[in-house]
Amino acid sequence: MINIAIMGNGPTELLPDLTKYKNEIDVWIGADRGALVLIDHGIEVGYALGDFDSINKSEKDRIKKVSKEYQQ
């Protein structure tokens, strides 16, 4: 079985410790700023998607660079 997780944007104080799930999830999907949250936690982004209106150009470039797949 493949385990997939989707990370969206939200208050950072409500985020669980993502490193607990790092080895349990096979594919991480970052929706909008959620992709940046994953990157900031050292988690490989399999898919980054959304309109990315909540991030600036340098953050978007960073997401494009490190994500396996990027779709805007």
Protein backbone atom coordinates (compact mmCIF):
# COMPACT_ATOMS: atom_id res chain seq x y z
CA MET A 1 0.00 0.00 0.00
CA ILE A 2 1.20 3.52 -0.80
CA ASN A 3 0.71 6.23 1.82
CA ILE A 4 0.03 9.72 0.48
CA ALA A 5 -0.17 12.94 2.51
CA ILE A 6 -1.33 16.38 1.44
CA MET A 7 0.01 19.47 3.20
CA GLY A 8 -1.88 22.72 2.91
CA ASN A 9 -1.19 26.11 4.40
CA GLY A 10 -2.35 27.02 7.86
CA PRO A 11 -1.25 28.28 11.23
CA THR A 12 2.21 26.86 11.93
CA GLU A 13 1.44 26.53 15.62
CA LEU A 14 -1.18 23.89 14.75
CA LEU A 15 1.21 21.72 12.73
CA PRO A 16 2.19 18.37 14.19
CA ASP A 17 5.83 17.33 14.18
CA LEU A 18 6.10 16.35 10.53
CA THR A 19 9.35 14.48 11.05
CA LYS A 20 7.32 11.77 12.79
CA TYR A 21 5.67 11.02 9.46
CA LYS A 22 8.68 11.54 7.21
CA ASN A 23 9.39 7.81 6.81
CA GLU A 24 5.76 6.68 6.93
CA ILE A 25 4.59 8.65 3.89
CA ASP A 26 5.56 7.50 0.40
CA VAL A 27 4.36 10.55 -1.52
CA TRP A 28 3.99 14.07 -0.14
CA ILE A 29 1.81 16.60 -1.96
CA GLY A 30 2.21 20.28 -1.16
CA ALA A 31 -0.79 22.47 -1.95
CA ASP A 32 0.16 26.11 -2.39
CA ARG A 33 2.22 27.27 0.59
CA GLY A 34 2.00 23.74 1.98
CA ALA A 35 4.81 22.79 -0.42
CA LEU A 36 7.04 25.36 1.24
CA VAL A 37 6.09 24.02 4.68
CA LEU A 38 7.23 20.55 3.62
CA ILE A 39 10.50 21.87 2.21
CA ASP A 40 11.16 23.84 5.40
CA HIS A 41 10.74 20.61 7.37
CA GLY A 42 13.20 18.72 5.16
CA ILE A 43 10.53 16.62 3.49
CA GLU A 44 10.80 15.78 -0.21
CA VAL A 45 7.85 17.17 -2.19
CA GLY A 46 6.56 14.69 -4.74
CA TYR A 47 3.96 17.06 -6.16
CA ALA A 48 3.55 20.79 -5.68
CA LEU A 49 0.30 22.23 -6.98
CA GLY A 50 -1.94 25.23 -6.69
CA ASP A 51 -2.05 28.88 -7.71
CA PHE A 52 0.72 29.77 -5.23
CA ASP A 53 -0.78 33.18 -4.52
CA SER A 54 0.32 32.98 -0.88
CA ILE A 55 4.06 32.96 -1.67
CA ASN A 56 6.54 35.33 -3.28
CA LYS A 57 8.60 34.70 -6.42
CA SER A 58 11.73 33.47 -4.64
CA GLU A 59 9.67 30.99 -2.60
CA LYS A 60 7.95 29.80 -5.77
CA ASP A 61 11.32 29.36 -7.50
CA ARG A 62 12.53 27.34 -4.52
CA ILE A 63 9.48 25.07 -4.71
CA LYS A 64 9.94 24.58 -8.46
CA LYS A 65 13.59 23.69 -7.97
CA VAL A 66 13.19 20.99 -5.32
CA SER A 67 9.79 19.45 -6.11
CA LYS A 68 9.66 16.36 -8.29
CA GLU A 69 6.54 17.67 -10.05
CA TYR A 70 5.24 21.24 -10.13
CA GLN A 71 1.83 22.26 -11.47
CA GLN A 72 0.41 25.76 -11.36
